[in-house]
Amino acid sequence: MISELLDTGLRPALKGNRLVLGKLVLVRADGEETKHAEEVRSRGVDVNFWNRGTERQGNRVYCKDINGNRYILSLSLIHI
């Protein structure tokens, strides 16, 4: 099943706080990897979702996922 999903060009994506491949959960919300994660990794697909470093823009800190999408990690508020 994993081979079929990867052959169609599907890549891991964030769904809520989980990393999924189609309907298969690869990494649970608590960060624990499932048995499917190792199989996907053995086929050369990176399952480390937040591995593209961080970048700052003003008072916000963003992190990029494996597809290049940006997600806000933190927002600094200045109290006067």
Protein backbone atom coordinates (compact mmCIF):
# COMPACT_ATOMS: atom_id res chain seq x y z
CA MET A 1 0.00 0.00 0.00
CA ILE A 2 2.79 2.44 0.84
CA SER A 3 4.50 1.72 -2.48
CA GLU A 4 1.30 2.49 -4.34
CA LEU A 5 0.87 5.80 -2.52
CA LEU A 6 4.45 6.87 -3.16
CA ASP A 7 4.31 5.77 -6.81
CA THR A 8 1.35 8.08 -7.39
CA GLY A 9 3.51 11.01 -6.24
CA LEU A 10 1.87 11.43 -2.86
CA ARG A 11 4.22 12.83 -0.21
CA PRO A 12 3.90 13.08 3.58
CA ALA A 13 1.83 16.05 4.74
CA LEU A 14 0.81 17.61 8.01
CA LYS A 15 -2.78 16.95 9.05
CA GLY A 16 -3.56 18.61 12.35
CA ASN A 17 -0.59 17.68 14.53
CA ARG A 18 0.12 14.42 12.71
CA LEU A 19 2.28 13.56 9.72
CA VAL A 20 0.31 11.43 7.28
CA LEU A 21 0.74 9.75 3.92
CA GLY A 22 -2.75 9.62 2.48
CA LYS A 23 -4.76 8.07 5.31
CA LEU A 24 -1.77 6.37 6.96
CA VAL A 25 -0.42 8.09 10.06
CA LEU A 26 3.39 8.24 10.02
CA VAL A 27 4.04 10.37 13.11
CA ARG A 28 1.46 10.78 15.84
CA ALA A 29 0.68 14.13 17.48
CA ASP A 30 2.90 13.23 20.44
CA GLY A 31 5.89 12.75 18.09
CA GLU A 32 5.88 8.95 18.22
CA GLU A 33 6.52 7.28 14.88
CA THR A 34 4.30 4.45 13.68
CA LYS A 35 5.45 1.28 11.94
CA HIS A 36 4.63 2.90 8.58
CA ALA A 37 7.21 5.66 9.16
CA GLU A 38 10.14 3.23 9.01
CA GLU A 39 8.89 1.71 5.75
CA VAL A 40 8.47 5.14 4.17
CA ARG A 41 11.95 6.16 5.38
CA SER A 42 13.46 2.97 3.91
CA ARG A 43 12.16 4.09 0.51
CA GLY A 44 14.16 7.32 0.75
CA VAL A 45 11.36 9.65 1.88
CA ASP A 46 12.15 11.97 4.77
CA VAL A 47 9.63 11.70 7.60
CA ASN A 48 11.25 14.39 9.72
CA PHE A 49 8.64 17.03 9.10
CA TRP A 50 10.27 20.08 10.68
CA ASN A 51 13.71 19.70 9.21
CA ARG A 52 14.08 22.76 7.00
CA GLY A 53 15.22 25.25 9.61
CA THR A 54 13.58 28.39 10.88
CA GLU A 55 13.37 31.92 9.55
CA ARG A 56 12.39 35.22 11.14
CA GLN A 57 10.12 37.83 9.67
CA GLY A 58 9.51 40.75 11.99
CA ASN A 59 8.25 39.39 15.30
CA ARG A 60 7.32 35.98 13.88
CA VAL A 61 9.33 32.78 13.63
CA TYR A 62 8.45 30.38 10.83
CA CYS A 63 9.49 26.82 10.11
CA LYS A 64 9.31 25.12 6.74
CA ASP A 65 8.00 21.62 6.20
CA ILE A 66 9.35 19.07 3.75
CA ASN A 67 7.17 20.53 0.97
CA GLY A 68 8.46 24.07 1.50
CA ASN A 69 5.28 25.37 3.15
CA ARG A 70 5.76 27.85 6.00
CA TYR A 71 4.13 27.48 9.40
CA ILE A 72 4.26 30.03 12.18
CA LEU A 73 5.99 28.68 15.27
CA SER A 74 5.90 31.72 17.50
CA LEU A 75 4.77 35.29 17.62
CA SER A 76 6.46 37.79 19.92
CA LEU A 77 4.21 40.45 21.38
CA ILE A 78 5.63 43.70 22.64
CA HIS A 79 3.83 45.10 25.69
CA ILE A 80 4.01 48.85 26.18
